[in-house]
Protein backbone atom coordinates (compact mmCIF):
# COMPACT_ATOMS: atom_id res chain seq x y z
CA UNK A 1 26.50 5.93 -16.83
CA UNK A 2 24.67 3.88 -14.18
CA UNK A 3 22.26 6.76 -13.64
CA UNK A 4 21.48 6.86 -17.39
CA UNK A 5 20.86 3.12 -17.48
CA UNK A 6 18.54 3.29 -14.49
CA UNK A 7 16.69 6.25 -16.04
CA UNK A 8 16.11 4.39 -19.31
CA UNK A 9 14.92 1.35 -17.38
CA UNK A 10 12.53 3.51 -15.37
CA UNK A 11 11.08 5.05 -18.51
CA UNK A 12 10.51 1.63 -20.00
CA UNK A 13 8.75 0.12 -16.98
CA UNK A 14 6.49 3.17 -16.74
CA UNK A 15 5.49 2.90 -20.38
CA UNK A 16 7.41 6.00 -21.48
CA UNK A 17 9.60 6.09 -24.59
CA UNK A 18 13.23 5.84 -23.49
CA UNK A 19 15.58 8.67 -24.28
CA UNK A 20 17.88 7.94 -27.14
CA UNK A 21 20.97 6.15 -25.89
CA UNK A 22 24.44 6.17 -27.42
CA UNK A 23 25.11 3.60 -30.10
CA UNK A 24 26.61 0.43 -28.70
CA UNK A 25 27.87 -2.59 -30.54
CA UNK A 26 25.93 -5.77 -29.76
CA UNK A 27 28.00 -8.22 -27.80
CA UNK A 28 27.18 -11.90 -27.70
CA UNK A 29 26.72 -12.70 -24.00
CA UNK A 30 26.33 -16.25 -22.76
CA UNK A 31 23.66 -15.19 -20.25
CA UNK A 32 23.26 -18.64 -18.70
CA UNK A 33 26.03 -21.18 -18.55
CA UNK A 34 25.36 -24.12 -20.85
CA UNK A 35 22.40 -22.44 -22.58
CA UNK A 36 21.96 -20.80 -25.95
CA UNK A 37 24.03 -17.67 -26.50
CA UNK A 38 21.88 -14.53 -26.86
CA UNK A 39 22.66 -11.46 -28.98
CA UNK A 40 22.33 -8.68 -26.46
CA UNK A 41 24.44 -5.62 -25.76
CA UNK A 42 25.98 -4.77 -22.44
CA UNK A 43 23.77 -1.68 -22.18
CA UNK A 44 20.67 -3.78 -22.74
CA UNK A 45 21.72 -6.25 -20.04
CA UNK A 46 22.14 -3.37 -17.59
CA UNK A 47 18.82 -1.84 -18.56
CA UNK A 48 16.90 -5.10 -18.19
CA UNK A 49 18.61 -5.79 -14.85
CA UNK A 50 17.30 -2.48 -13.45
CA UNK A 51 13.85 -3.14 -14.88
CA UNK A 52 13.85 -6.61 -13.32
CA UNK A 53 14.62 -5.30 -9.83
CA UNK A 54 11.79 -2.77 -10.08
CA UNK A 55 9.38 -5.37 -11.46
CA UNK A 56 10.16 -7.97 -8.77
CA UNK A 57 10.44 -5.65 -5.77
CA UNK A 58 6.76 -5.66 -4.73
CA UNK A 59 6.53 -9.47 -4.98
CA UNK A 60 9.50 -10.03 -2.66
CA UNK A 61 8.29 -7.36 -0.23
CA UNK A 62 4.82 -8.93 -0.06
CA UNK A 63 6.29 -12.35 0.69
CA UNK A 64 8.43 -11.02 3.56
CA UNK A 65 5.40 -9.14 4.89
CA UNK A 66 3.30 -12.30 4.69
CA UNK A 67 5.89 -14.39 6.52
CA UNK A 68 6.18 -11.86 9.32
CA UNK A 69 2.44 -11.22 9.72
CA UNK A 70 1.51 -14.95 9.76
CA UNK A 71 4.30 -15.92 12.16
CA UNK A 72 1.98 -16.18 15.15
CA UNK A 73 3.63 -17.68 18.22
CA UNK A 74 1.44 -20.30 19.98
CA UNK A 75 3.30 -19.60 23.22
CA UNK A 76 2.26 -15.93 23.27
CA UNK A 77 -1.22 -14.98 24.41
CA UNK A 78 -1.24 -11.56 22.73
CA UNK A 79 0.33 -11.35 19.28
CA UNK A 80 1.98 -8.27 17.82
CA UNK A 81 -0.45 -5.93 16.02
CA UNK A 82 -1.47 -7.44 12.71
CA UNK A 83 0.09 -10.85 13.41
CA UNK A 84 -2.22 -13.86 13.10
CA UNK A 85 -2.27 -17.37 11.70
CA UNK A 86 -2.83 -17.93 7.99
CA UNK A 87 -6.57 -17.67 7.21
CA UNK A 88 -7.22 -16.04 10.59
CA UNK A 89 -8.96 -12.66 10.53
CA UNK A 90 -7.66 -10.11 13.03
CA UNK A 91 -9.15 -6.72 13.87
CA UNK A 92 -7.63 -3.70 15.54
CA UNK A 93 -9.76 -2.78 18.56
CA UNK A 94 -8.37 0.63 19.51
CA UNK A 95 -7.19 3.83 17.88
CA UNK A 96 -3.47 4.65 17.74
CA UNK A 97 -1.92 7.12 20.17
CA UNK A 98 1.38 9.04 19.98
CA UNK A 99 3.04 5.98 21.57
CA UNK A 100 2.07 3.87 18.53
CA UNK A 101 5.12 3.54 16.24
CA UNK A 102 4.38 0.24 14.49
CA UNK A 103 3.57 1.92 11.17
CA UNK A 104 4.00 5.48 9.95
CA UNK A 105 1.06 7.84 9.44
CA UNK A 106 -1.41 5.74 11.46
CA UNK A 107 -5.03 6.21 10.57
CA UNK A 108 -7.40 7.73 13.15
CA UNK A 109 -10.49 7.33 10.97
CA UNK A 110 -10.89 3.57 10.70
CA UNK A 111 -10.11 0.33 12.52
CA UNK A 112 -8.07 -2.08 10.43
CA UNK A 113 -8.76 -5.72 9.62
CA UNK A 114 -6.11 -8.12 8.30
CA UNK A 115 -6.21 -11.65 6.95
CA UNK A 116 -3.55 -13.47 4.92
CA UNK A 117 -5.30 -16.25 3.01
CA UNK A 118 -4.03 -19.49 1.53
CA UNK A 119 -6.58 -20.90 -0.93
CA UNK A 120 -4.48 -23.90 -1.95
CA UNK A 121 -6.77 -26.42 -0.23
CA UNK A 122 -10.13 -24.68 -0.47
CA UNK A 123 -11.89 -21.32 -0.71
CA UNK A 124 -12.26 -19.00 2.27
CA UNK A 125 -15.64 -17.41 2.96
CA UNK A 126 -15.63 -13.81 4.18
CA UNK A 127 -18.77 -12.85 6.11
CA UNK A 128 -19.80 -9.27 6.84
CA UNK A 129 -22.82 -8.05 8.81
CA UNK A 130 -25.26 -5.39 7.72
CA UNK A 131 -23.55 -2.03 8.25
CA UNK A 132 -25.33 1.32 8.46
CA UNK A 133 -25.13 3.31 5.25
CA UNK A 134 -23.47 6.23 7.02
CA UNK A 135 -20.58 4.04 8.22
CA UNK A 136 -17.92 3.59 5.55
CA UNK A 137 -16.13 0.26 5.31
CA UNK A 138 -14.06 -1.62 2.77
CA UNK A 139 -12.31 -4.99 2.63
CA UNK A 140 -9.55 -4.73 0.03
CA UNK A 141 -8.19 -7.94 -1.54
CA UNK A 142 -4.64 -7.81 -2.94
CA UNK A 143 -2.66 -10.37 -4.89
CA UNK A 144 1.03 -10.98 -4.28
CA UNK A 145 1.98 -8.32 -6.84
CA UNK A 146 0.12 -5.69 -4.69
CA UNK A 147 -2.72 -5.30 -7.20
CA UNK A 148 -6.20 -4.81 -5.76
CA UNK A 149 -8.38 -7.37 -7.53
CA UNK A 150 -11.58 -7.01 -5.48
CA UNK A 151 -13.19 -4.77 -2.87
CA UNK A 152 -16.07 -5.69 -0.57
CA UNK A 153 -17.59 -2.62 1.01
CA UNK A 154 -19.74 0.48 0.97
CA UNK A 155 -18.92 1.57 -2.58
CA UNK A 156 -18.97 -1.84 -4.25
CA UNK A 157 -21.20 -4.41 -2.56
CA UNK A 158 -23.24 -1.99 -0.43
CA UNK A 159 -24.28 -2.10 3.20
CA UNK A 160 -26.24 -5.37 3.38
CA UNK A 161 -24.90 -8.47 5.11
CA UNK A 162 -23.13 -10.87 2.77
CA UNK A 163 -20.95 -13.95 2.41
CA UNK A 164 -18.18 -13.98 -0.18
CA UNK A 165 -16.15 -17.04 -1.18
CA UNK A 166 -12.62 -16.13 -2.25
CA UNK A 167 -11.69 -18.77 -4.81
CA UNK A 168 -8.33 -19.81 -6.26
CA UNK A 169 -7.94 -19.98 -10.05
CA UNK A 170 -7.88 -23.80 -10.18
CA UNK A 171 -10.94 -24.39 -7.97
CA UNK A 172 -14.11 -25.63 -9.67
CA UNK A 173 -16.34 -26.86 -6.84
CA UNK A 174 -19.82 -25.81 -5.82
CA UNK A 175 -20.52 -23.06 -3.32
CA UNK A 176 -23.30 -23.06 -0.71
CA UNK A 177 -26.49 -21.15 -1.45
CA UNK A 178 -26.25 -17.49 -0.65
CA UNK A 179 -22.48 -17.32 -0.99
CA UNK A 180 -21.13 -15.06 -3.73
CA UNK A 181 -18.01 -16.11 -5.64
CA UNK A 182 -14.98 -13.80 -5.86
CA UNK A 183 -12.19 -15.11 -8.09
CA UNK A 184 -8.63 -14.57 -6.93
CA UNK A 185 -5.79 -14.46 -9.47
CA UNK A 186 -3.60 -16.51 -7.11
CA UNK A 187 -3.87 -18.91 -4.19
CA UNK A 188 -2.23 -16.46 -1.77
CA UNK A 189 -3.74 -13.07 -1.05
CA UNK A 190 -3.98 -10.37 1.58
CA UNK A 191 -7.21 -8.86 2.91
CA UNK A 192 -6.85 -5.35 4.35
CA UNK A 193 -10.02 -3.90 5.82
CA UNK A 194 -10.93 -0.40 7.02
CA UNK A 195 -14.09 0.32 9.02
CA UNK A 196 -15.05 3.86 10.00
CA UNK A 197 -14.83 4.75 13.69
CA UNK A 198 -16.17 8.08 14.91
CA UNK A 199 -13.70 8.73 17.71
CA UNK A 200 -13.13 7.06 21.07
CA UNK A 201 -16.82 7.13 22.02
CA UNK A 202 -17.65 5.01 18.97
CA UNK A 203 -15.11 2.24 19.61
CA UNK A 204 -17.51 -0.17 21.34
CA UNK A 205 -20.04 0.04 18.51
CA UNK A 206 -17.35 -0.35 15.84
CA UNK A 207 -15.87 -3.37 17.62
CA UNK A 208 -19.31 -4.98 17.75
CA UNK A 209 -19.43 -4.70 13.96
CA UNK A 210 -15.93 -6.11 13.53
CA UNK A 211 -16.74 -9.04 15.83
CA UNK A 212 -19.40 -10.03 13.28
CA UNK A 213 -16.86 -10.15 10.42
CA UNK A 214 -15.22 -13.52 9.92
CA UNK A 215 -13.18 -15.75 7.63
CA UNK A 216 -14.25 -19.40 7.42
CA UNK A 217 -12.80 -22.30 5.38
CA UNK A 218 -15.42 -23.72 3.02
CA UNK A 219 -15.18 -27.16 4.67
CA UNK A 220 -16.27 -25.62 8.00
CA UNK A 221 -19.06 -23.48 6.59
CA UNK A 222 -22.20 -23.99 8.65
CA UNK A 223 -20.31 -26.07 11.20
CA UNK A 224 -19.00 -25.34 14.65
CA UNK A 225 -15.72 -23.81 15.80
CA UNK A 226 -12.55 -24.80 13.99
CA UNK A 227 -8.88 -24.60 14.87
CA UNK A 228 -6.27 -23.14 12.51
CA UNK A 229 -2.71 -24.50 12.73
CA UNK A 230 0.26 -22.43 13.81
CA UNK A 231 3.38 -22.30 11.66
CA UNK A 232 5.70 -20.38 13.96
CA UNK A 233 9.31 -20.01 12.84
CA UNK A 234 11.69 -18.38 15.33
CA UNK A 235 14.09 -17.51 12.49
CA UNK A 236 11.64 -15.11 10.82
CA UNK A 237 13.02 -11.59 11.15
CA UNK A 238 11.08 -8.97 13.08
CA UNK A 239 12.80 -6.17 11.18
CA UNK A 240 10.55 -4.11 8.94
CA UNK A 241 10.09 -5.99 5.64
CA UNK A 242 11.19 -2.89 3.70
CA UNK A 243 14.48 -2.94 5.61
CA UNK A 244 14.88 -6.67 5.02
CA UNK A 245 14.56 -6.22 1.27
CA UNK A 246 17.00 -3.32 1.24
CA UNK A 247 19.65 -5.49 2.92
CA UNK A 248 19.25 -8.47 0.59
CA UNK A 249 22.32 -9.24 -1.56
CA UNK A 250 21.61 -9.69 -5.25
CA UNK A 251 21.80 -13.48 -5.30
CA UNK A 252 19.37 -13.83 -2.38
CA UNK A 253 16.92 -11.29 -3.84
CA UNK A 254 16.94 -12.73 -7.37
CA UNK A 255 16.76 -16.38 -6.25
CA UNK A 256 13.83 -15.57 -3.95
CA UNK A 257 12.06 -13.53 -6.64
CA UNK A 258 12.37 -16.26 -9.26
CA UNK A 259 11.08 -18.86 -6.81
CA UNK A 260 8.09 -16.67 -5.98
CA UNK A 261 7.37 -15.88 -9.62
CA UNK A 262 6.92 -19.60 -10.32
CA UNK A 263 4.36 -19.77 -7.51
CA UNK A 264 2.60 -16.47 -8.17
CA UNK A 265 2.31 -16.13 -11.92
CA UNK A 266 2.78 -12.66 -13.41
CA UNK A 267 -0.25 -10.97 -14.89
CA UNK A 268 -1.17 -11.34 -18.56
CA UNK A 269 -0.09 -7.73 -19.16
CA UNK A 270 3.39 -8.57 -17.85
CA UNK A 271 4.37 -10.74 -20.84
CA UNK A 272 6.69 -8.10 -22.38
CA UNK A 273 8.54 -7.68 -19.10
CA UNK A 274 8.74 -11.43 -18.51
CA UNK A 275 10.12 -11.88 -22.03
CA UNK A 276 12.76 -9.19 -21.52
CA UNK A 277 13.88 -10.76 -18.27
CA UNK A 278 14.24 -14.14 -19.96
CA UNK A 279 16.73 -12.57 -22.40
CA UNK A 280 19.24 -12.20 -19.57
CA UNK A 281 18.50 -15.60 -18.05
CA UNK A 282 15.72 -14.68 -15.61
CA UNK A 283 13.50 -17.30 -17.19
CA UNK A 284 10.45 -18.30 -15.15
CA UNK A 285 9.96 -21.40 -17.32
CA UNK A 286 13.13 -23.02 -15.93
CA UNK A 287 12.53 -25.98 -13.63
CA UNK A 288 15.36 -24.75 -11.41
CA UNK A 289 16.97 -21.34 -11.25
CA UNK A 290 20.25 -20.35 -9.64
CA UNK A 291 21.77 -16.90 -9.67
CA UNK A 292 25.22 -18.48 -9.79
CA UNK A 293 24.39 -20.09 -13.14
CA UNK A 294 24.09 -16.68 -14.82
CA UNK A 295 27.05 -15.25 -16.67
CA UNK A 296 29.40 -12.95 -14.78
CA UNK A 297 28.19 -9.99 -16.86
CA UNK A 298 24.55 -10.57 -15.95
CA UNK A 299 25.42 -11.18 -12.30
CA UNK A 300 27.39 -7.93 -12.22
CA UNK A 301 24.55 -5.83 -13.66
CA UNK A 302 21.95 -7.45 -11.40
CA UNK A 303 24.20 -6.78 -8.42
CA UNK A 304 24.47 -3.13 -9.43
CA UNK A 305 20.69 -2.88 -9.82
CA UNK A 306 20.05 -4.46 -6.41
CA UNK A 307 22.67 -2.30 -4.72
CA UNK A 308 21.12 0.82 -6.23
CA UNK A 309 17.86 -0.53 -4.84
CA UNK A 310 15.06 1.91 -4.20
CA UNK A 311 17.08 5.12 -4.62
CA UNK A 312 15.26 6.17 -7.78
CA UNK A 313 11.81 4.74 -7.05
CA UNK A 314 10.24 8.08 -6.11
CA UNK A 315 11.87 10.17 -8.83
CA UNK A 316 10.92 7.61 -11.49
CA UNK A 317 7.39 6.88 -10.23
CA UNK A 318 5.77 9.48 -12.47
CA UNK A 319 4.22 11.34 -9.53
CA UNK A 320 2.31 14.48 -10.54
CA UNK A 321 3.58 17.89 -9.40
CA UNK A 322 2.11 19.25 -6.15
CA UNK A 323 -1.07 21.33 -6.26
CA UNK A 324 -1.21 24.15 -3.73
CA UNK A 325 1.67 22.40 -1.98
CA UNK A 326 -0.23 19.08 -1.73
CA UNK A 327 0.94 15.82 -3.27
CA UNK A 328 -2.10 14.12 -4.81
CA UNK A 329 -1.84 10.75 -6.57
CA UNK A 330 -4.92 9.47 -8.36
CA UNK A 331 -4.23 7.05 -11.23
CA UNK A 332 -2.80 4.52 -11.41
CA UNK A 333 -3.21 3.61 -7.74
CA UNK A 334 -4.06 0.23 -6.26
CA UNK A 335 -4.32 -1.35 -9.72
CA UNK A 336 -0.99 -0.73 -11.38
CA UNK A 337 -1.12 -2.16 -14.90
CA UNK A 338 2.42 -2.01 -16.27
CA UNK A 339 3.56 1.05 -14.31
CA UNK A 340 6.07 -0.96 -12.32
CA UNK A 341 8.02 2.03 -11.01
CA UNK A 342 4.95 3.50 -9.32
CA UNK A 343 3.93 0.06 -8.05
CA UNK A 344 7.37 -0.41 -6.50
CA UNK A 345 7.42 3.09 -4.99
CA UNK A 346 4.07 2.68 -3.26
CA UNK A 347 4.89 -0.85 -2.13
CA UNK A 348 7.94 0.65 -0.44
CA UNK A 349 6.19 3.72 1.00
CA UNK A 350 2.50 2.75 1.44
CA UNK A 351 2.01 -1.00 1.04
CA UNK A 352 -1.63 -1.94 0.35
CA UNK A 353 -2.59 1.53 -0.82
CA UNK A 354 -6.24 1.44 -1.83
CA UNK A 355 -7.88 2.42 -5.09
CA UNK A 356 -8.69 6.15 -5.38
CA UNK A 357 -12.39 5.44 -5.88
CA UNK A 358 -12.46 4.35 -2.21
CA UNK A 359 -10.14 6.96 -0.70
CA UNK A 360 -7.63 9.63 -1.73
CA UNK A 361 -4.84 10.83 0.57
CA UNK A 362 -3.34 14.23 -0.35
CA UNK A 363 -0.34 15.07 1.83
CA UNK A 364 2.22 17.73 2.59
CA UNK A 365 5.61 16.65 3.83
CA UNK A 366 8.76 18.67 4.18
CA UNK A 367 9.92 17.12 0.92
CA UNK A 368 6.83 18.12 -1.08
CA UNK A 369 8.49 21.01 -2.84
CA UNK A 370 7.16 23.61 -0.43
CA UNK A 371 9.32 26.73 -0.25
CA UNK A 372 8.94 26.72 3.54
CA UNK A 373 9.07 23.85 6.00
CA UNK A 374 5.91 23.47 8.08
CA UNK A 375 6.95 24.45 11.59
CA UNK A 376 4.88 24.83 14.75
CA UNK A 377 6.65 28.07 15.65
CA UNK A 378 4.47 29.56 12.93
CA UNK A 379 0.69 29.73 12.77
CA UNK A 380 -0.93 28.37 9.60
CA UNK A 381 -4.42 28.61 8.22
CA UNK A 382 -6.27 26.47 5.72
CA UNK A 383 -9.30 28.23 4.26
CA UNK A 384 -12.22 26.49 2.54
CA UNK A 385 -14.51 28.93 0.78
CA UNK A 386 -18.31 28.56 0.72
CA UNK A 387 -19.19 25.25 -0.90
CA UNK A 388 -15.50 24.27 -1.08
CA UNK A 389 -15.20 21.73 1.76
CA UNK A 390 -13.38 18.53 0.77
CA UNK A 391 -15.77 16.73 -1.60
CA UNK A 392 -16.01 13.34 0.13
CA UNK A 393 -19.24 11.37 -0.05
CA UNK A 394 -18.40 9.50 3.16
CA UNK A 395 -16.20 11.81 5.27
CA UNK A 396 -12.83 13.56 5.39
CA UNK A 397 -10.09 14.13 7.96
CA UNK A 398 -6.91 16.16 8.39
CA UNK A 399 -4.18 14.52 10.52
CA UNK A 400 -0.89 15.99 11.72
CA UNK A 401 2.30 13.94 12.11
CA UNK A 402 5.86 14.70 13.09
CA UNK A 403 8.72 14.41 10.60
CA UNK A 404 8.89 10.65 11.12
CA UNK A 405 5.19 10.16 10.45
CA UNK A 406 4.03 9.64 14.05
CA UNK A 407 1.30 11.36 16.04
CA UNK A 408 2.39 14.23 18.29
CA UNK A 409 1.49 14.39 22.00
CA UNK A 410 -0.54 17.45 22.96
CA UNK A 411 -2.62 18.58 25.94
CA UNK A 412 -5.84 18.48 23.92
CA UNK A 413 -5.34 14.83 22.87
CA UNK A 414 -6.37 16.13 19.46
CA UNK A 415 -4.45 14.62 16.56
CA UNK A 416 -6.85 15.19 13.68
CA UNK A 417 -9.80 17.28 12.54
CA UNK A 418 -12.66 15.57 10.72
CA UNK A 419 -15.87 16.45 8.91
CA UNK A 420 -17.71 15.03 11.96
CA UNK A 421 -16.32 17.76 14.25
CA UNK A 422 -18.44 20.70 15.46
CA UNK A 423 -16.54 23.46 13.70
CA UNK A 424 -17.15 27.16 13.88
CA UNK A 425 -18.11 28.11 10.33
CA UNK A 426 -17.73 31.52 8.76
CA UNK A 427 -19.97 33.44 6.41
CA UNK A 428 -21.97 31.35 3.95
CA UNK A 429 -20.49 28.10 5.27
CA UNK A 430 -16.80 28.90 4.83
CA UNK A 431 -14.33 27.13 7.11
CA UNK A 432 -10.91 28.26 8.32
CA UNK A 433 -8.71 25.75 10.11
CA UNK A 434 -5.82 26.85 12.31
CA UNK A 435 -2.61 24.82 12.71
CA UNK A 436 -0.15 26.00 15.36
CA UNK A 437 1.71 25.02 18.52
CA UNK A 438 -0.28 27.37 20.76
CA UNK A 439 -4.05 27.57 20.83
CA UNK A 440 -5.58 30.56 19.04
CA UNK A 441 -8.11 31.02 21.87
CA UNK A 442 -9.93 29.37 24.74
CA UNK A 443 -12.61 27.87 22.48
CA UNK A 444 -10.88 26.54 19.38
CA UNK A 445 -12.75 23.70 17.66
CA UNK A 446 -11.02 24.60 14.37
CA UNK A 447 -7.52 24.25 15.86
CA UNK A 448 -5.14 21.38 15.07
CA UNK A 449 -2.25 21.37 17.59
CA UNK A 450 1.25 21.20 16.13
CA UNK A 451 4.62 20.46 17.73
CA UNK A 452 7.12 23.20 18.42
CA UNK A 453 9.18 21.92 15.50
CA UNK A 454 8.52 20.73 11.97
CA UNK A 455 5.56 18.55 10.99
CA UNK A 456 3.60 17.15 8.05
CA UNK A 457 -0.08 16.92 7.15
CA UNK A 458 -2.28 14.20 5.64
CA UNK A 459 -5.77 14.87 4.28
CA UNK A 460 -7.98 11.83 3.73
CA UNK A 461 -11.14 11.81 1.59
CA UNK A 462 -13.28 8.67 1.81
CA UNK A 463 -15.43 7.98 -1.24
CA UNK A 464 -14.12 11.08 -3.02
CA UNK A 465 -16.41 12.87 -5.44
CA UNK A 466 -15.74 12.77 -9.22
CA UNK A 467 -13.98 16.14 -9.23
CA UNK A 468 -11.31 14.70 -6.94
CA UNK A 469 -10.77 11.68 -9.18
CA UNK A 470 -10.48 13.80 -12.31
CA UNK A 471 -8.02 16.18 -10.67
CA UNK A 472 -10.35 19.16 -10.97
CA UNK A 473 -10.29 19.69 -7.18
CA UNK A 474 -7.27 20.20 -4.96
CA UNK A 475 -7.03 21.17 -1.28
CA UNK A 476 -6.40 24.83 -0.54
CA UNK A 477 -2.88 25.89 0.37
CA UNK A 478 -1.72 25.84 3.96
CA UNK A 479 -0.59 29.46 4.49
CA UNK A 480 1.49 30.96 7.29
CA UNK A 481 0.06 34.04 8.96
CA UNK A 482 2.10 37.14 8.26
């Protein structure tokens, strides 16, 4: 029964027609003590409760991520990776190694930039230098619902230097000359940047570029140095935010979500979902909300939904079937509309995923429906026929990870192959890549070292061509040698 309720809820939040459910008699539930009695069946309460958890998940996860990443300790000279004060821009300066376990599937193609912004007092001005056309970069701006609302970078604003004022909805002041306005849907947002780095030898040049990127409060524009305040809180958990959310009891999760929803207004398209939630007492218009004020029936169904948690996020996310063994997600990605199940799934598994127009990440894991697990005891080939190399207008890469999503130590210190490598090409420009634990020969530029055990692969295409975005192109299969 609970599985059926969750399935119907998933279909509704993904915009699919729900399967026909058994007839139930409407029961008059007093959903909030002391408030008007609503005509709503028990099945409907359960369904809306599951929808509500899915809808609110990304908002709560973003808030816990924000709190952790802005909890910079003034007594520590070197902060944890990604941790900085609010409105402070931080750049990664080195590429990850197999010892790097902070995030799964670390990127070897770009250096990351992070900045959590609070626009309550004034706009923040993002400055970028002129960047060579052949060097891909993007600064992705996300609201608290994980929707990408703006991108500054190669594809959108081009390669010239620029200054961009990120402006809260209520702000109506005047900007300095030469500063372009970018409207934010909320006063809190997250900037996630990616700037192409062409291997270890290119780090110094890439860091010079990143040193010229900055975030400046409007009131300090054109002035000298400024000091941002610390807001360190020793009680902020250092556990992964995803794990924190999964451990939240229902009352804590729902109370936090309703508090956040009053601060970060839902999108215009969310009105049907907001209205449905209000039917069971999750009413954002209330001056004060308390989980304990809900009826026992509503509390029970919300508790069941929270306890079930993320178990069905992947199966209900509407992911397309694999092509040639590769999982490829195109739309919707990065801008979610009303597909709340997919939004929740990618918040859980790949927070701040970018829009496909900027990059697409096909992958093979040992849960991708492959008949055989990828295992380094075997030798695999990946063959691109003439004219069939990954159609990326910037560049592409193929990275290997272990089962947990981390880089694998090898004697070659080679963890990825990229379109910048000096491959040995076959007839008419064909390319065959080899993936195995042992090298296929003494001179093997086409070889990607694998561990002795199982592994997974991630292909990345930056500025993918139209045939990728339409689904007309898929990577070739990774085939074991007989």
